[in-house]
Amino acid sequence: RKSFALTVFMGVPLSIGLGIIAPNVIFI
């Protein structure tokens, strides 16, 4: 339960955030 909670807590914003700023990340 702890592992699932931490994975979701980190994985959701990382997935959404990386998708939004992907062109910037590739350029940098």
mmCIF file of all heavy atoms, coordinates in Angstrom:
data_MODEL
# 
_entry.id   MODEL 
# 
loop_
_atom_site.group_PDB 
_atom_site.id 
_atom_site.type_symbol 
_atom_site.label_atom_id 
_atom_site.label_alt_id 
_atom_site.label_comp_id 
_atom_site.label_asym_id 
_atom_site.label_entity_id 
_atom_site.label_seq_id 
_atom_site.pdbx_PDB_ins_code 
_atom_site.Cartn_x 
_atom_site.Cartn_y 
_atom_site.Cartn_z 
_atom_site.occupancy 
_atom_site.B_iso_or_equiv 
_atom_site.pdbx_formal_charge 
_atom_site.auth_seq_id 
_atom_site.auth_comp_id 
_atom_site.auth_asym_id 
_atom_site.auth_atom_id 
_atom_site.pdbx_PDB_model_num 
ATOM 1   N N   . ARG A 1 1  ? 0.834  -1.211 0.000   1.00 0.00 ? 1  ARG A N   1 
ATOM 2   C CA  . ARG A 1 1  ? 0.000  0.000  0.000   1.00 0.00 ? 1  ARG A CA  1 
ATOM 3   C C   . ARG A 1 1  ? 0.865  1.256  0.000   1.00 0.00 ? 1  ARG A C   1 
ATOM 4   O O   . ARG A 1 1  ? 0.573  2.228  -0.710  1.00 0.00 ? 1  ARG A O   1 
ATOM 5   C CB  . ARG A 1 1  ? -0.949 -0.015 1.194   1.00 0.00 ? 1  ARG A CB  1 
ATOM 6   C CG  . ARG A 1 1  ? -2.124 -0.988 1.041   1.00 0.00 ? 1  ARG A CG  1 
ATOM 7   C CD  . ARG A 1 1  ? -3.155 -0.793 2.131   1.00 0.00 ? 1  ARG A CD  1 
ATOM 8   N NE  . ARG A 1 1  ? -2.649 -1.241 3.427   1.00 0.00 ? 1  ARG A NE  1 
ATOM 9   C CZ  . ARG A 1 1  ? -2.800 -2.477 3.893   1.00 0.00 ? 1  ARG A CZ  1 
ATOM 10  N NH1 . ARG A 1 1  ? -3.431 -3.390 3.166   1.00 0.00 ? 1  ARG A NH1 1 
ATOM 11  N NH2 . ARG A 1 1  ? -2.347 -2.803 5.080   1.00 0.00 ? 1  ARG A NH2 1 
ATOM 12  N N   . LYS A 1 2  ? 1.921  1.235  0.791   1.00 0.00 ? 2  LYS A N   1 
ATOM 13  C CA  . LYS A 1 2  ? 2.826  2.389  0.830   1.00 0.00 ? 2  LYS A CA  1 
ATOM 14  C C   . LYS A 1 2  ? 3.533  2.576  -0.511  1.00 0.00 ? 2  LYS A C   1 
ATOM 15  O O   . LYS A 1 2  ? 3.688  3.702  -0.995  1.00 0.00 ? 2  LYS A O   1 
ATOM 16  C CB  . LYS A 1 2  ? 3.863  2.199  1.940   1.00 0.00 ? 2  LYS A CB  1 
ATOM 17  C CG  . LYS A 1 2  ? 3.299  2.305  3.347   1.00 0.00 ? 2  LYS A CG  1 
ATOM 18  C CD  . LYS A 1 2  ? 4.385  2.084  4.395   1.00 0.00 ? 2  LYS A CD  1 
ATOM 19  C CE  . LYS A 1 2  ? 3.812  2.168  5.802   1.00 0.00 ? 2  LYS A CE  1 
ATOM 20  N NZ  . LYS A 1 2  ? 4.858  1.905  6.832   1.00 0.00 ? 2  LYS A NZ  1 
ATOM 21  N N   . SER A 1 3  ? 3.963  1.462  -1.104  1.00 0.00 ? 3  SER A N   1 
ATOM 22  C CA  . SER A 1 3  ? 4.651  1.533  -2.387  1.00 0.00 ? 3  SER A CA  1 
ATOM 23  C C   . SER A 1 3  ? 3.734  2.084  -3.472  1.00 0.00 ? 3  SER A C   1 
ATOM 24  O O   . SER A 1 3  ? 4.140  2.925  -4.288  1.00 0.00 ? 3  SER A O   1 
ATOM 25  C CB  . SER A 1 3  ? 5.154  0.138  -2.778  1.00 0.00 ? 3  SER A CB  1 
ATOM 26  O OG  . SER A 1 3  ? 5.822  0.180  -4.017  1.00 0.00 ? 3  SER A OG  1 
ATOM 27  N N   . PHE A 1 4  ? 2.487  1.614  -3.495  1.00 0.00 ? 4  PHE A N   1 
ATOM 28  C CA  . PHE A 1 4  ? 1.522  2.091  -4.489  1.00 0.00 ? 4  PHE A CA  1 
ATOM 29  C C   . PHE A 1 4  ? 1.264  3.591  -4.309  1.00 0.00 ? 4  PHE A C   1 
ATOM 30  O O   . PHE A 1 4  ? 1.253  4.349  -5.288  1.00 0.00 ? 4  PHE A O   1 
ATOM 31  C CB  . PHE A 1 4  ? 0.208  1.318  -4.360  1.00 0.00 ? 4  PHE A CB  1 
ATOM 32  C CG  . PHE A 1 4  ? -0.835 1.721  -5.368  1.00 0.00 ? 4  PHE A CG  1 
ATOM 33  C CD1 . PHE A 1 4  ? -0.855 1.156  -6.629  1.00 0.00 ? 4  PHE A CD1 1 
ATOM 34  C CD2 . PHE A 1 4  ? -1.794 2.684  -5.051  1.00 0.00 ? 4  PHE A CD2 1 
ATOM 35  C CE1 . PHE A 1 4  ? -1.810 1.539  -7.568  1.00 0.00 ? 4  PHE A CE1 1 
ATOM 36  C CE2 . PHE A 1 4  ? -2.747 3.073  -5.981  1.00 0.00 ? 4  PHE A CE2 1 
ATOM 37  C CZ  . PHE A 1 4  ? -2.763 2.497  -7.236  1.00 0.00 ? 4  PHE A CZ  1 
ATOM 38  N N   . ALA A 1 5  ? 1.056  4.017  -3.064  1.00 0.00 ? 5  ALA A N   1 
ATOM 39  C CA  . ALA A 1 5  ? 0.769  5.425  -2.798  1.00 0.00 ? 5  ALA A CA  1 
ATOM 40  C C   . ALA A 1 5  ? 1.919  6.322  -3.246  1.00 0.00 ? 5  ALA A C   1 
ATOM 41  O O   . ALA A 1 5  ? 1.700  7.369  -3.863  1.00 0.00 ? 5  ALA A O   1 
ATOM 42  C CB  . ALA A 1 5  ? 0.496  5.627  -1.303  1.00 0.00 ? 5  ALA A CB  1 
ATOM 43  N N   . LEU A 1 6  ? 3.153  5.902  -2.974  1.00 0.00 ? 6  LEU A N   1 
ATOM 44  C CA  . LEU A 1 6  ? 4.310  6.717  -3.342  1.00 0.00 ? 6  LEU A CA  1 
ATOM 45  C C   . LEU A 1 6  ? 4.527  6.725  -4.851  1.00 0.00 ? 6  LEU A C   1 
ATOM 46  O O   . LEU A 1 6  ? 4.882  7.761  -5.434  1.00 0.00 ? 6  LEU A O   1 
ATOM 47  C CB  . LEU A 1 6  ? 5.555  6.192  -2.620  1.00 0.00 ? 6  LEU A CB  1 
ATOM 48  C CG  . LEU A 1 6  ? 6.813  7.068  -2.697  1.00 0.00 ? 6  LEU A CG  1 
ATOM 49  C CD1 . LEU A 1 6  ? 6.515  8.494  -2.240  1.00 0.00 ? 6  LEU A CD1 1 
ATOM 50  C CD2 . LEU A 1 6  ? 7.927  6.465  -1.857  1.00 0.00 ? 6  LEU A CD2 1 
ATOM 51  N N   . THR A 1 7  ? 4.305  5.580  -5.502  1.00 0.00 ? 7  THR A N   1 
ATOM 52  C CA  . THR A 1 7  ? 4.451  5.499  -6.961  1.00 0.00 ? 7  THR A CA  1 
ATOM 53  C C   . THR A 1 7  ? 3.457  6.413  -7.664  1.00 0.00 ? 7  THR A C   1 
ATOM 54  O O   . THR A 1 7  ? 3.810  7.130  -8.609  1.00 0.00 ? 7  THR A O   1 
ATOM 55  C CB  . THR A 1 7  ? 4.263  4.047  -7.438  1.00 0.00 ? 7  THR A CB  1 
ATOM 56  O OG1 . THR A 1 7  ? 5.294  3.233  -6.871  1.00 0.00 ? 7  THR A OG1 1 
ATOM 57  C CG2 . THR A 1 7  ? 4.334  3.966  -8.953  1.00 0.00 ? 7  THR A CG2 1 
ATOM 58  N N   . VAL A 1 8  ? 2.207  6.395  -7.218  1.00 0.00 ? 8  VAL A N   1 
ATOM 59  C CA  . VAL A 1 8  ? 1.182  7.256  -7.801  1.00 0.00 ? 8  VAL A CA  1 
ATOM 60  C C   . VAL A 1 8  ? 1.478  8.725  -7.507  1.00 0.00 ? 8  VAL A C   1 
ATOM 61  O O   . VAL A 1 8  ? 1.367  9.587  -8.386  1.00 0.00 ? 8  VAL A O   1 
ATOM 62  C CB  . VAL A 1 8  ? -0.212 6.871  -7.255  1.00 0.00 ? 8  VAL A CB  1 
ATOM 63  C CG1 . VAL A 1 8  ? -1.240 7.940  -7.598  1.00 0.00 ? 8  VAL A CG1 1 
ATOM 64  C CG2 . VAL A 1 8  ? -0.634 5.531  -7.830  1.00 0.00 ? 8  VAL A CG2 1 
ATOM 65  N N   . PHE A 1 9  ? 1.873  9.003  -6.281  1.00 0.00 ? 9  PHE A N   1 
ATOM 66  C CA  . PHE A 1 9  ? 2.169  10.379 -5.865  1.00 0.00 ? 9  PHE A CA  1 
ATOM 67  C C   . PHE A 1 9  ? 3.254  11.000 -6.737  1.00 0.00 ? 9  PHE A C   1 
ATOM 68  O O   . PHE A 1 9  ? 3.182  12.189 -7.092  1.00 0.00 ? 9  PHE A O   1 
ATOM 69  C CB  . PHE A 1 9  ? 2.597  10.384 -4.399  1.00 0.00 ? 9  PHE A CB  1 
ATOM 70  C CG  . PHE A 1 9  ? 2.863  11.750 -3.834  1.00 0.00 ? 9  PHE A CG  1 
ATOM 71  C CD1 . PHE A 1 9  ? 1.820  12.554 -3.395  1.00 0.00 ? 9  PHE A CD1 1 
ATOM 72  C CD2 . PHE A 1 9  ? 4.156  12.236 -3.739  1.00 0.00 ? 9  PHE A CD2 1 
ATOM 73  C CE1 . PHE A 1 9  ? 2.063  13.821 -2.874  1.00 0.00 ? 9  PHE A CE1 1 
ATOM 74  C CE2 . PHE A 1 9  ? 4.412  13.494 -3.224  1.00 0.00 ? 9  PHE A CE2 1 
ATOM 75  C CZ  . PHE A 1 9  ? 3.362  14.294 -2.786  1.00 0.00 ? 9  PHE A CZ  1 
ATOM 76  N N   . MET A 1 10 ? 4.260  10.206 -7.106  1.00 0.00 ? 10 MET A N   1 
ATOM 77  C CA  . MET A 1 10 ? 5.352  10.711 -7.929  1.00 0.00 ? 10 MET A CA  1 
ATOM 78  C C   . MET A 1 10 ? 5.078  10.543 -9.420  1.00 0.00 ? 10 MET A C   1 
ATOM 79  O O   . MET A 1 10 ? 5.390  11.412 -10.235 1.00 0.00 ? 10 MET A O   1 
ATOM 80  C CB  . MET A 1 10 ? 6.653  9.993  -7.563  1.00 0.00 ? 10 MET A CB  1 
ATOM 81  C CG  . MET A 1 10 ? 7.141  10.231 -6.158  1.00 0.00 ? 10 MET A CG  1 
ATOM 82  S SD  . MET A 1 10 ? 8.549  9.162  -5.737  1.00 0.00 ? 10 MET A SD  1 
ATOM 83  C CE  . MET A 1 10 ? 9.753  9.662  -6.959  1.00 0.00 ? 10 MET A CE  1 
ATOM 84  N N   . GLY A 1 11 ? 4.496  9.387  -9.806  1.00 0.00 ? 11 GLY A N   1 
ATOM 85  C CA  . GLY A 1 11 ? 4.362  9.055  -11.216 1.00 0.00 ? 11 GLY A CA  1 
ATOM 86  C C   . GLY A 1 11 ? 3.379  9.907  -11.975 1.00 0.00 ? 11 GLY A C   1 
ATOM 87  O O   . GLY A 1 11 ? 3.620  10.265 -13.142 1.00 0.00 ? 11 GLY A O   1 
ATOM 88  N N   . VAL A 1 12 ? 2.261  10.275 -11.353 1.00 0.00 ? 12 VAL A N   1 
ATOM 89  C CA  . VAL A 1 12 ? 1.246  11.071 -12.055 1.00 0.00 ? 12 VAL A CA  1 
ATOM 90  C C   . VAL A 1 12 ? 1.774  12.455 -12.452 1.00 0.00 ? 12 VAL A C   1 
ATOM 91  O O   . VAL A 1 12 ? 1.712  12.829 -13.631 1.00 0.00 ? 12 VAL A O   1 
ATOM 92  C CB  . VAL A 1 12 ? -0.038 11.187 -11.204 1.00 0.00 ? 12 VAL A CB  1 
ATOM 93  C CG1 . VAL A 1 12 ? -0.978 12.232 -11.806 1.00 0.00 ? 12 VAL A CG1 1 
ATOM 94  C CG2 . VAL A 1 12 ? -0.729 9.832  -11.131 1.00 0.00 ? 12 VAL A CG2 1 
ATOM 95  N N   . PRO A 1 13 ? 2.304  13.259 -11.513 1.00 0.00 ? 13 PRO A N   1 
ATOM 96  C CA  . PRO A 1 13 ? 2.794  14.583 -11.925 1.00 0.00 ? 13 PRO A CA  1 
ATOM 97  C C   . PRO A 1 13 ? 3.993  14.519 -12.868 1.00 0.00 ? 13 PRO A C   1 
ATOM 98  O O   . PRO A 1 13 ? 4.138  15.372 -13.748 1.00 0.00 ? 13 PRO A O   1 
ATOM 99  C CB  . PRO A 1 13 ? 3.176  15.257 -10.599 1.00 0.00 ? 13 PRO A CB  1 
ATOM 100 C CG  . PRO A 1 13 ? 3.424  14.129 -9.658  1.00 0.00 ? 13 PRO A CG  1 
ATOM 101 C CD  . PRO A 1 13 ? 2.443  13.057 -10.060 1.00 0.00 ? 13 PRO A CD  1 
ATOM 102 N N   . LEU A 1 14 ? 4.855  13.507 -12.699 1.00 0.00 ? 14 LEU A N   1 
ATOM 103 C CA  . LEU A 1 14 ? 5.999  13.378 -13.599 1.00 0.00 ? 14 LEU A CA  1 
ATOM 104 C C   . LEU A 1 14 ? 5.538  13.075 -15.021 1.00 0.00 ? 14 LEU A C   1 
ATOM 105 O O   . LEU A 1 14 ? 6.075  13.640 -15.986 1.00 0.00 ? 14 LEU A O   1 
ATOM 106 C CB  . LEU A 1 14 ? 6.932  12.279 -13.098 1.00 0.00 ? 14 LEU A CB  1 
ATOM 107 C CG  . LEU A 1 14 ? 7.761  12.598 -11.850 1.00 0.00 ? 14 LEU A CG  1 
ATOM 108 C CD1 . LEU A 1 14 ? 8.506  11.365 -11.358 1.00 0.00 ? 14 LEU A CD1 1 
ATOM 109 C CD2 . LEU A 1 14 ? 8.745  13.730 -12.122 1.00 0.00 ? 14 LEU A CD2 1 
ATOM 110 N N   . SER A 1 15 ? 4.555  12.196 -15.178 1.00 0.00 ? 15 SER A N   1 
ATOM 111 C CA  . SER A 1 15 ? 4.048  11.854 -16.509 1.00 0.00 ? 15 SER A CA  1 
ATOM 112 C C   . SER A 1 15 ? 3.386  13.054 -17.171 1.00 0.00 ? 15 SER A C   1 
ATOM 113 O O   . SER A 1 15 ? 3.656  13.369 -18.344 1.00 0.00 ? 15 SER A O   1 
ATOM 114 C CB  . SER A 1 15 ? 3.041  10.699 -16.407 1.00 0.00 ? 15 SER A CB  1 
ATOM 115 O OG  . SER A 1 15 ? 3.665  9.520  -15.980 1.00 0.00 ? 15 SER A OG  1 
ATOM 116 N N   . ILE A 1 16 ? 2.515  13.724 -16.436 1.00 0.00 ? 16 ILE A N   1 
ATOM 117 C CA  . ILE A 1 16 ? 1.803  14.878 -16.998 1.00 0.00 ? 16 ILE A CA  1 
ATOM 118 C C   . ILE A 1 16 ? 2.773  16.026 -17.288 1.00 0.00 ? 16 ILE A C   1 
ATOM 119 O O   . ILE A 1 16 ? 2.741  16.634 -18.363 1.00 0.00 ? 16 ILE A O   1 
ATOM 120 C CB  . ILE A 1 16 ? 0.688  15.340 -16.041 1.00 0.00 ? 16 ILE A CB  1 
ATOM 121 C CG1 . ILE A 1 16 ? -0.399 14.261 -15.953 1.00 0.00 ? 16 ILE A CG1 1 
ATOM 122 C CG2 . ILE A 1 16 ? 0.090  16.669 -16.505 1.00 0.00 ? 16 ILE A CG2 1 
ATOM 123 C CD1 . ILE A 1 16 ? -1.494 14.566 -14.950 1.00 0.00 ? 16 ILE A CD1 1 
ATOM 124 N N   . GLY A 1 17 ? 3.646  16.307 -16.335 1.00 0.00 ? 17 GLY A N   1 
ATOM 125 C CA  . GLY A 1 17 ? 4.585  17.412 -16.508 1.00 0.00 ? 17 GLY A CA  1 
ATOM 126 C C   . GLY A 1 17 ? 5.541  17.205 -17.663 1.00 0.00 ? 17 GLY A C   1 
ATOM 127 O O   . GLY A 1 17 ? 5.793  18.124 -18.456 1.00 0.00 ? 17 GLY A O   1 
ATOM 128 N N   . LEU A 1 18 ? 6.071  15.983 -17.789 1.00 0.00 ? 18 LEU A N   1 
ATOM 129 C CA  . LEU A 1 18 ? 7.015  15.705 -18.880 1.00 0.00 ? 18 LEU A CA  1 
ATOM 130 C C   . LEU A 1 18 ? 6.327  15.801 -20.231 1.00 0.00 ? 18 LEU A C   1 
ATOM 131 O O   . LEU A 1 18 ? 6.909  16.291 -21.208 1.00 0.00 ? 18 LEU A O   1 
ATOM 132 C CB  . LEU A 1 18 ? 7.632  14.316 -18.695 1.00 0.00 ? 18 LEU A CB  1 
ATOM 133 C CG  . LEU A 1 18 ? 8.713  13.922 -19.692 1.00 0.00 ? 18 LEU A CG  1 
ATOM 134 C CD1 . LEU A 1 18 ? 9.886  14.895 -19.645 1.00 0.00 ? 18 LEU A CD1 1 
ATOM 135 C CD2 . LEU A 1 18 ? 9.200  12.498 -19.422 1.00 0.00 ? 18 LEU A CD2 1 
ATOM 136 N N   . GLY A 1 19 ? 5.073  15.344 -20.305 1.00 0.00 ? 19 GLY A N   1 
ATOM 137 C CA  . GLY A 1 19 ? 4.335  15.448 -21.562 1.00 0.00 ? 19 GLY A CA  1 
ATOM 138 C C   . GLY A 1 19 ? 4.115  16.886 -21.987 1.00 0.00 ? 19 GLY A C   1 
ATOM 139 O O   . GLY A 1 19 ? 4.172  17.215 -23.180 1.00 0.00 ? 19 GLY A O   1 
ATOM 140 N N   . ILE A 1 20 ? 3.884  17.762 -21.013 1.00 0.00 ? 20 ILE A N   1 
ATOM 141 C CA  . ILE A 1 20 ? 3.614  19.174 -21.312 1.00 0.00 ? 20 ILE A CA  1 
ATOM 142 C C   . ILE A 1 20 ? 4.864  19.892 -21.832 1.00 0.00 ? 20 ILE A C   1 
ATOM 143 O O   . ILE A 1 20 ? 4.798  20.645 -22.795 1.00 0.00 ? 20 ILE A O   1 
ATOM 144 C CB  . ILE A 1 20 ? 3.069  19.885 -20.061 1.00 0.00 ? 20 ILE A CB  1 
ATOM 145 C CG1 . ILE A 1 20 ? 1.670  19.345 -19.706 1.00 0.00 ? 20 ILE A CG1 1 
ATOM 146 C CG2 . ILE A 1 20 ? 3.001  21.401 -20.280 1.00 0.00 ? 20 ILE A CG2 1 
ATOM 147 C CD1 . ILE A 1 20 ? 1.140  19.865 -18.383 1.00 0.00 ? 20 ILE A CD1 1 
ATOM 148 N N   . ILE A 1 21 ? 5.997  19.652 -21.192 1.00 0.00 ? 21 ILE A N   1 
ATOM 149 C CA  . ILE A 1 21 ? 7.198  20.432 -21.529 1.00 0.00 ? 21 ILE A CA  1 
ATOM 150 C C   . ILE A 1 21 ? 8.223  19.603 -22.300 1.00 0.00 ? 21 ILE A C   1 
ATOM 151 O O   . ILE A 1 21 ? 9.418  19.938 -22.305 1.00 0.00 ? 21 ILE A O   1 
ATOM 152 C CB  . ILE A 1 21 ? 7.847  21.030 -20.268 1.00 0.00 ? 21 ILE A CB  1 
ATOM 153 C CG1 . ILE A 1 21 ? 8.277  19.901 -19.301 1.00 0.00 ? 21 ILE A CG1 1 
ATOM 154 C CG2 . ILE A 1 21 ? 6.910  21.981 -19.572 1.00 0.00 ? 21 ILE A CG2 1 
ATOM 155 C CD1 . ILE A 1 21 ? 9.168  20.409 -18.186 1.00 0.00 ? 21 ILE A CD1 1 
ATOM 156 N N   . ALA A 1 22 ? 7.782  18.566 -22.983 1.00 0.00 ? 22 ALA A N   1 
ATOM 157 C CA  . ALA A 1 22 ? 8.705  17.701 -23.727 1.00 0.00 ? 22 ALA A CA  1 
ATOM 158 C C   . ALA A 1 22 ? 9.594  18.457 -24.717 1.00 0.00 ? 22 ALA A C   1 
ATOM 159 O O   . ALA A 1 22 ? 10.808 18.209 -24.767 1.00 0.00 ? 22 ALA A O   1 
ATOM 160 C CB  . ALA A 1 22 ? 7.921  16.601 -24.448 1.00 0.00 ? 22 ALA A CB  1 
ATOM 161 N N   . PRO A 1 23 ? 9.057  19.404 -25.527 1.00 0.00 ? 23 PRO A N   1 
ATOM 162 C CA  . PRO A 1 23 ? 9.945  20.125 -26.458 1.00 0.00 ? 23 PRO A CA  1 
ATOM 163 C C   . PRO A 1 23 ? 11.056 20.884 -25.742 1.00 0.00 ? 23 PRO A C   1 
ATOM 164 O O   . PRO A 1 23 ? 12.204 20.901 -26.211 1.00 0.00 ? 23 PRO A O   1 
ATOM 165 C CB  . PRO A 1 23 ? 8.986  21.085 -27.173 1.00 0.00 ? 23 PRO A CB  1 
ATOM 166 C CG  . PRO A 1 23 ? 7.644  20.424 -27.070 1.00 0.00 ? 23 PRO A CG  1 
ATOM 167 C CD  . PRO A 1 23 ? 7.638  19.776 -25.732 1.00 0.00 ? 23 PRO A CD  1 
ATOM 168 N N   . ASN A 1 24 ? 10.730 21.508 -24.604 1.00 0.00 ? 24 ASN A N   1 
ATOM 169 C CA  . ASN A 1 24 ? 11.746 22.231 -23.835 1.00 0.00 ? 24 ASN A CA  1 
ATOM 170 C C   . ASN A 1 24 ? 12.814 21.285 -23.308 1.00 0.00 ? 24 ASN A C   1 
ATOM 171 O O   . ASN A 1 24 ? 14.018 21.588 -23.349 1.00 0.00 ? 24 ASN A O   1 
ATOM 172 C CB  . ASN A 1 24 ? 11.095 22.958 -22.654 1.00 0.00 ? 24 ASN A CB  1 
ATOM 173 C CG  . ASN A 1 24 ? 10.210 24.104 -23.083 1.00 0.00 ? 24 ASN A CG  1 
ATOM 174 O OD1 . ASN A 1 24 ? 9.735  24.131 -24.215 1.00 0.00 ? 24 ASN A OD1 1 
ATOM 175 N ND2 . ASN A 1 24 ? 9.957  25.051 -22.205 1.00 0.00 ? 24 ASN A ND2 1 
ATOM 176 N N   . VAL A 1 25 ? 12.362 20.136 -22.792 1.00 0.00 ? 25 VAL A N   1 
ATOM 177 C CA  . VAL A 1 25 ? 13.293 19.175 -22.216 1.00 0.00 ? 25 VAL A CA  1 
ATOM 178 C C   . VAL A 1 25 ? 14.258 18.653 -23.283 1.00 0.00 ? 25 VAL A C   1 
ATOM 179 O O   . VAL A 1 25 ? 15.470 18.559 -23.039 1.00 0.00 ? 25 VAL A O   1 
ATOM 180 C CB  . VAL A 1 25 ? 12.523 18.006 -21.568 1.00 0.00 ? 25 VAL A CB  1 
ATOM 181 C CG1 . VAL A 1 25 ? 13.478 16.888 -21.162 1.00 0.00 ? 25 VAL A CG1 1 
ATOM 182 C CG2 . VAL A 1 25 ? 11.735 18.487 -20.361 1.00 0.00 ? 25 VAL A CG2 1 
ATOM 183 N N   . ILE A 1 26 ? 13.746 18.343 -24.454 1.00 0.00 ? 26 ILE A N   1 
ATOM 184 C CA  . ILE A 1 26 ? 14.608 17.857 -25.535 1.00 0.00 ? 26 ILE A CA  1 
ATOM 185 C C   . ILE A 1 26 ? 15.624 18.921 -25.937 1.00 0.00 ? 26 ILE A C   1 
ATOM 186 O O   . ILE A 1 26 ? 16.814 18.621 -26.136 1.00 0.00 ? 26 ILE A O   1 
ATOM 187 C CB  . ILE A 1 26 ? 13.768 17.428 -26.763 1.00 0.00 ? 26 ILE A CB  1 
ATOM 188 C CG1 . ILE A 1 26 ? 12.985 16.148 -26.456 1.00 0.00 ? 26 ILE A CG1 1 
ATOM 189 C CG2 . ILE A 1 26 ? 14.652 17.235 -27.987 1.00 0.00 ? 26 ILE A CG2 1 
ATOM 190 C CD1 . ILE A 1 26 ? 13.850 14.930 -26.215 1.00 0.00 ? 26 ILE A CD1 1 
ATOM 191 N N   . PHE A 1 27 ? 15.180 20.173 -26.043 1.00 0.00 ? 27 PHE A N   1 
ATOM 192 C CA  . PHE A 1 27 ? 16.084 21.256 -26.445 1.00 0.00 ? 27 PHE A CA  1 
ATOM 193 C C   . PHE A 1 27 ? 17.204 21.426 -25.422 1.00 0.00 ? 27 PHE A C   1 
ATOM 194 O O   . PHE A 1 27 ? 18.380 21.565 -25.786 1.00 0.00 ? 27 PHE A O   1 
ATOM 195 C CB  . PHE A 1 27 ? 15.310 22.560 -26.589 1.00 0.00 ? 27 PHE A CB  1 
ATOM 196 C CG  . PHE A 1 27 ? 16.152 23.715 -27.045 1.00 0.00 ? 27 PHE A CG  1 
ATOM 197 C CD1 . PHE A 1 27 ? 16.376 23.941 -28.392 1.00 0.00 ? 27 PHE A CD1 1 
ATOM 198 C CD2 . PHE A 1 27 ? 16.745 24.568 -26.120 1.00 0.00 ? 27 PHE A CD2 1 
ATOM 199 C CE1 . PHE A 1 27 ? 17.176 24.995 -28.817 1.00 0.00 ? 27 PHE A CE1 1 
ATOM 200 C CE2 . PHE A 1 27 ? 17.548 25.630 -26.524 1.00 0.00 ? 27 PHE A CE2 1 
ATOM 201 C CZ  . PHE A 1 27 ? 17.759 25.849 -27.885 1.00 0.00 ? 27 PHE A CZ  1 
ATOM 202 N N   . ILE A 1 28 ? 16.856 21.410 -24.139 1.00 0.00 ? 28 ILE A N   1 
ATOM 203 C CA  . ILE A 1 28 ? 17.857 21.604 -23.078 1.00 0.00 ? 28 ILE A CA  1 
ATOM 204 C C   . ILE A 1 28 ? 18.740 20.369 -22.939 1.00 0.00 ? 28 ILE A C   1 
ATOM 205 O O   . ILE A 1 28 ? 19.960 20.477 -22.798 1.00 0.00 ? 28 ILE A O   1 
ATOM 206 C CB  . ILE A 1 28 ? 17.163 21.917 -21.740 1.00 0.00 ? 28 ILE A CB  1 
ATOM 207 C CG1 . ILE A 1 28 ? 16.443 23.259 -21.818 1.00 0.00 ? 28 ILE A CG1 1 
ATOM 208 C CG2 . ILE A 1 28 ? 18.168 21.926 -20.587 1.00 0.00 ? 28 ILE A CG2 1 
ATOM 209 C CD1 . ILE A 1 28 ? 15.549 23.554 -20.624 1.00 0.00 ? 28 ILE A CD1 1 
# 
